[in-house]
Structures are given as C-alpha cells and as structure tokens.
Amino acid sequence: MATILLVEDDTNIKDLVTFRLEMEGHEVTAVDDGRDALAVAQADPPDLAVLDVMLPGYSGLEICRKLRADASTAEIAIIMLTARGQESDVEAGFDAGADDYVTKPFSPRELARRVEALLARGQH
C-alpha cells in the first residue's frame, strides 16, 4: 500500500480516481486546490502524487516544480493527469519534473497500472 495525493478539481474525476486507487489498496488524500495540495505534500509527503494541470491556487505544473525544488518532497513520484494533451503540454509536464503524463479522457484501469509501475520502480 502506498500513500497517494490526488489533486483534481473535477469532483467526478476525483471520486473515480480515489475509488479506483483505494480498490488497489492505496491510501488516497484528495484535494481540489493547488495551495492545499502543496501544504498537504509538505506536511506529510506521499509516495506518489497525481496532479491535474488546471487548478485553482497553483497549477499542477507549479506544484510539480515546487515539490521537486524541496528536498523533503523531491523524491515523490508524480503523474500529471490532464486534458491538456498537445505535445508542448506534455513536454511542459516532463520539464516541470513529472514522471508520467496521462491525458483525459483516460482509463482508470490504465491510470492504476501506471501508478503501480511508478511505485514498483521506487523512483521518479
């Protein structure tokens, strides 16, 4: 079991991803605001974060950069989960420090497999 921070402001997606990851045995903390996400991650760093890009407060890209810049959160595995699927958007996600990039619409099963793959590698 891993601890996962899910940052998603769409309630339906947040509920769906939380349900799927909890079915896989993970402990999920879900928030819908970028500032809250950063505070939660810094207070109790999760094993993995799933970040939407377009969020109130800080964007997912800003959160990613801030997590990578802080020694206490730099090793968190990060998956971007976003509707922004242009090549430049994907590049921006990886440039910010993301380990993986999943575009919406997405398969919850595929997202769960990507989470498991990142956790199994134990790295970012």
C-alpha atoms as a PDB file:
ATOM      1  CA  MET A   1       0.000   0.000   0.000  1.00  0.00           C
ATOM      2  CA  ALA A   2       1.184   3.475  -0.858  1.00  0.00           C
ATOM      3  CA  THR A   3       0.059   6.936   0.142  1.00  0.00           C
ATOM      4  CA  ILE A   4      -1.191   8.956  -2.812  1.00  0.00           C
ATOM      5  CA  LEU A   5      -2.027  12.636  -3.071  1.00  0.00           C
ATOM      6  CA  LEU A   6      -4.674  13.291  -5.717  1.00  0.00           C
ATOM      7  CA  VAL A   7      -5.098  16.897  -6.809  1.00  0.00           C
ATOM      8  CA  GLU A   8      -8.174  17.251  -9.014  1.00  0.00           C
ATOM      9  CA  ASP A   9     -10.863  19.938  -9.038  1.00  0.00           C
ATOM     10  CA  ASP A  10     -13.451  17.916 -11.026  1.00  0.00           C
ATOM     11  CA  THR A  11     -15.477  16.082  -8.373  1.00  0.00           C
ATOM     12  CA  ASN A  12     -16.475  13.196 -10.658  1.00  0.00           C
ATOM     13  CA  ILE A  13     -12.894  12.505 -11.723  1.00  0.00           C
ATOM     14  CA  LYS A  14     -11.640  12.933  -8.160  1.00  0.00           C
ATOM     15  CA  ASP A  15     -14.186  10.403  -6.880  1.00  0.00           C
ATOM     16  CA  LEU A  16     -13.489   7.942  -9.711  1.00  0.00           C
ATOM     17  CA  VAL A  17      -9.706   8.028  -9.285  1.00  0.00           C
ATOM     18  CA  THR A  18      -9.950   7.859  -5.490  1.00  0.00           C
ATOM     19  CA  PHE A  19     -12.258   4.835  -5.704  1.00  0.00           C
ATOM     20  CA  ARG A  20     -10.013   3.032  -8.190  1.00  0.00           C
ATOM     21  CA  LEU A  21      -6.783   3.647  -6.268  1.00  0.00           C
ATOM     22  CA  GLU A  22      -8.385   2.677  -2.955  1.00  0.00           C
ATOM     23  CA  MET A  23      -9.562  -0.560  -4.615  1.00  0.00           C
ATOM     24  CA  GLU A  24      -5.892  -1.202  -5.374  1.00  0.00           C
ATOM     25  CA  GLY A  25      -5.174  -0.884  -1.646  1.00  0.00           C
ATOM     26  CA  HIS A  26      -3.744   2.622  -1.551  1.00  0.00           C
ATOM     27  CA  GLU A  27      -4.470   5.386   0.936  1.00  0.00           C
ATOM     28  CA  VAL A  28      -5.655   8.426  -1.037  1.00  0.00           C
ATOM     29  CA  THR A  29      -5.794  12.032   0.135  1.00  0.00           C
ATOM     30  CA  ALA A  30      -7.768  14.088  -2.390  1.00  0.00           C
ATOM     31  CA  VAL A  31      -7.736  17.879  -2.587  1.00  0.00           C
ATOM     32  CA  ASP A  32      -9.047  20.272  -5.221  1.00  0.00           C
ATOM     33  CA  ASP A  33      -6.786  23.290  -4.804  1.00  0.00           C
ATOM     34  CA  GLY A  34      -3.119  23.730  -5.676  1.00  0.00           C
ATOM     35  CA  ARG A  35      -2.210  25.594  -2.499  1.00  0.00           C
ATOM     36  CA  ASP A  36      -3.847  22.920  -0.330  1.00  0.00           C
ATOM     37  CA  ALA A  37      -2.007  20.237  -2.294  1.00  0.00           C
ATOM     38  CA  LEU A  38       1.368  21.791  -1.623  1.00  0.00           C
ATOM     39  CA  ALA A  39       0.605  22.186   2.087  1.00  0.00           C
ATOM     40  CA  VAL A  40      -0.535  18.556   2.380  1.00  0.00           C
ATOM     41  CA  ALA A  41       2.510  17.233   0.486  1.00  0.00           C
ATOM     42  CA  GLN A  42       4.945  19.239   2.587  1.00  0.00           C
ATOM     43  CA  ALA A  43       3.289  18.301   5.897  1.00  0.00           C
ATOM     44  CA  ASP A  44       3.231  14.550   5.152  1.00  0.00           C
ATOM     45  CA  PRO A  45       4.950  13.648   1.859  1.00  0.00           C
ATOM     46  CA  PRO A  46       3.037  10.970  -0.085  1.00  0.00           C
ATOM     47  CA  ASP A  47       4.674   8.189  -2.068  1.00  0.00           C
ATOM     48  CA  LEU A  48       3.051   9.457  -5.265  1.00  0.00           C
ATOM     49  CA  ALA A  49       1.070  12.488  -6.442  1.00  0.00           C
ATOM     50  CA  VAL A  50      -1.477  12.625  -9.261  1.00  0.00           C
ATOM     51  CA  LEU A  51      -1.793  16.242 -10.400  1.00  0.00           C
ATOM     52  CA  ASP A  52      -4.313  17.917 -12.671  1.00  0.00           C
ATOM     53  CA  VAL A  53      -2.713  20.815 -14.556  1.00  0.00           C
ATOM     54  CA  MET A  54      -5.509  23.378 -14.455  1.00  0.00           C
ATOM     55  CA  LEU A  55      -6.318  24.026 -10.797  1.00  0.00           C
ATOM     56  CA  PRO A  56      -7.253  26.921  -8.556  1.00  0.00           C
ATOM     57  CA  GLY A  57      -4.358  28.240  -6.477  1.00  0.00           C
ATOM     58  CA  TYR A  58      -1.233  26.767  -8.036  1.00  0.00           C
ATOM     59  CA  SER A  59      -1.350  24.888 -11.340  1.00  0.00           C
ATOM     60  CA  GLY A  60      -0.250  21.263 -11.422  1.00  0.00           C
ATOM     61  CA  LEU A  61       2.937  22.361 -13.180  1.00  0.00           C
ATOM     62  CA  GLU A  62       3.707  24.861 -10.402  1.00  0.00           C
ATOM     63  CA  ILE A  63       3.030  22.208  -7.754  1.00  0.00           C
ATOM     64  CA  CYS A  64       5.320  19.789  -9.573  1.00  0.00           C
ATOM     65  CA  ARG A  65       8.150  22.324  -9.743  1.00  0.00           C
ATOM     66  CA  LYS A  66       7.746  23.275  -6.087  1.00  0.00           C
ATOM     67  CA  LEU A  67       7.737  19.622  -4.986  1.00  0.00           C
ATOM     68  CA  ARG A  68      10.909  18.921  -6.968  1.00  0.00           C
ATOM     69  CA  ALA A  69      12.639  22.018  -5.514  1.00  0.00           C
ATOM     70  CA  ASP A  70      12.008  20.998  -1.878  1.00  0.00           C
ATOM     71  CA  ALA A  71      14.379  18.327  -0.518  1.00  0.00           C
ATOM     72  CA  SER A  72      11.603  16.807   1.637  1.00  0.00           C
ATOM     73  CA  THR A  73       9.315  16.234  -1.378  1.00  0.00           C
ATOM     74  CA  ALA A  74      11.756  15.941  -4.293  1.00  0.00           C
ATOM     75  CA  GLU A  75      11.520  12.140  -4.477  1.00  0.00           C
ATOM     76  CA  ILE A  76       7.704  11.910  -4.720  1.00  0.00           C
ATOM     77  CA  ALA A  77       6.642  10.112  -7.907  1.00  0.00           C
ATOM     78  CA  ILE A  78       4.416  12.447  -9.955  1.00  0.00           C
ATOM     79  CA  ILE A  79       1.820  11.707 -12.618  1.00  0.00           C
ATOM     80  CA  MET A  80       0.180  14.588 -14.464  1.00  0.00           C
ATOM     81  CA  LEU A  81      -3.495  13.851 -15.245  1.00  0.00           C
ATOM     82  CA  THR A  82      -4.876  16.485 -17.571  1.00  0.00           C
ATOM     83  CA  ALA A  83      -6.977  17.369 -20.591  1.00  0.00           C
ATOM     84  CA  ARG A  84      -4.004  19.266 -21.993  1.00  0.00           C
ATOM     85  CA  GLY A  85      -2.624  16.770 -24.475  1.00  0.00           C
ATOM     86  CA  GLN A  86      -0.702  18.800 -27.036  1.00  0.00           C
ATOM     87  CA  GLU A  87       2.932  17.827 -27.468  1.00  0.00           C
ATOM     88  CA  SER A  88       4.034  21.143 -25.928  1.00  0.00           C
ATOM     89  CA  ASP A  89       1.820  20.461 -22.876  1.00  0.00           C
ATOM     90  CA  VAL A  90       3.351  17.014 -22.396  1.00  0.00           C
ATOM     91  CA  GLU A  91       6.850  18.485 -22.733  1.00  0.00           C
ATOM     92  CA  ALA A  92       5.995  21.159 -20.166  1.00  0.00           C
ATOM     93  CA  GLY A  93       4.847  18.451 -17.754  1.00  0.00           C
ATOM     94  CA  PHE A  94       8.057  16.483 -18.085  1.00  0.00           C
ATOM     95  CA  ASP A  95      10.144  19.668 -17.958  1.00  0.00           C
ATOM     96  CA  ALA A  96       8.437  20.537 -14.647  1.00  0.00           C
ATOM     97  CA  GLY A  97       9.572  17.188 -13.256  1.00  0.00           C
ATOM     98  CA  ALA A  98       6.655  14.812 -13.870  1.00  0.00           C
ATOM     99  CA  ASP A  99       7.430  11.103 -14.124  1.00  0.00           C
ATOM    100  CA  ASP A 100       4.399  10.288 -16.278  1.00  0.00           C
ATOM    101  CA  TYR A 101       1.680  12.136 -18.176  1.00  0.00           C
ATOM    102  CA  VAL A 102      -1.876  10.844 -18.686  1.00  0.00           C
ATOM    103  CA  THR A 103      -4.386  12.732 -20.825  1.00  0.00           C
ATOM    104  CA  LYS A 104      -8.134  12.942 -20.252  1.00  0.00           C
ATOM    105  CA  PRO A 105     -10.279  11.158 -21.131  1.00  0.00           C
ATOM    106  CA  PHE A 106      -8.403   8.284 -19.531  1.00  0.00           C
ATOM    107  CA  SER A 107      -8.941   4.705 -18.441  1.00  0.00           C
ATOM    108  CA  PRO A 108      -8.996   4.383 -14.631  1.00  0.00           C
ATOM    109  CA  ARG A 109      -7.515   0.905 -15.078  1.00  0.00           C
ATOM    110  CA  GLU A 110      -4.616   2.293 -17.133  1.00  0.00           C
ATOM    111  CA  LEU A 111      -4.004   5.052 -14.588  1.00  0.00           C
ATOM    112  CA  ALA A 112      -3.920   2.443 -11.801  1.00  0.00           C
ATOM    113  CA  ARG A 113      -1.368   0.397 -13.802  1.00  0.00           C
ATOM    114  CA  ARG A 114       0.808   3.464 -14.321  1.00  0.00           C
ATOM    115  CA  VAL A 115       0.639   4.219 -10.592  1.00  0.00           C
ATOM    116  CA  GLU A 116       1.691   0.647  -9.829  1.00  0.00           C
ATOM    117  CA  ALA A 117       4.545   0.811 -12.365  1.00  0.00           C
ATOM    118  CA  LEU A 118       5.941   4.020 -10.864  1.00  0.00           C
ATOM    119  CA  LEU A 119       5.646   2.687  -7.328  1.00  0.00           C
ATOM    120  CA  ALA A 120       7.328  -0.575  -8.332  1.00  0.00           C
ATOM    121  CA  ARG A 121      10.280   1.337  -9.750  1.00  0.00           C
ATOM    122  CA  GLY A 122      10.570   3.156  -6.439  1.00  0.00           C
ATOM    123  CA  GLN A 123      11.989   6.163  -8.196  1.00  0.00           C
ATOM    124  CA  HIS A 124      10.991   9.121 -10.269  1.00  0.00           C
END
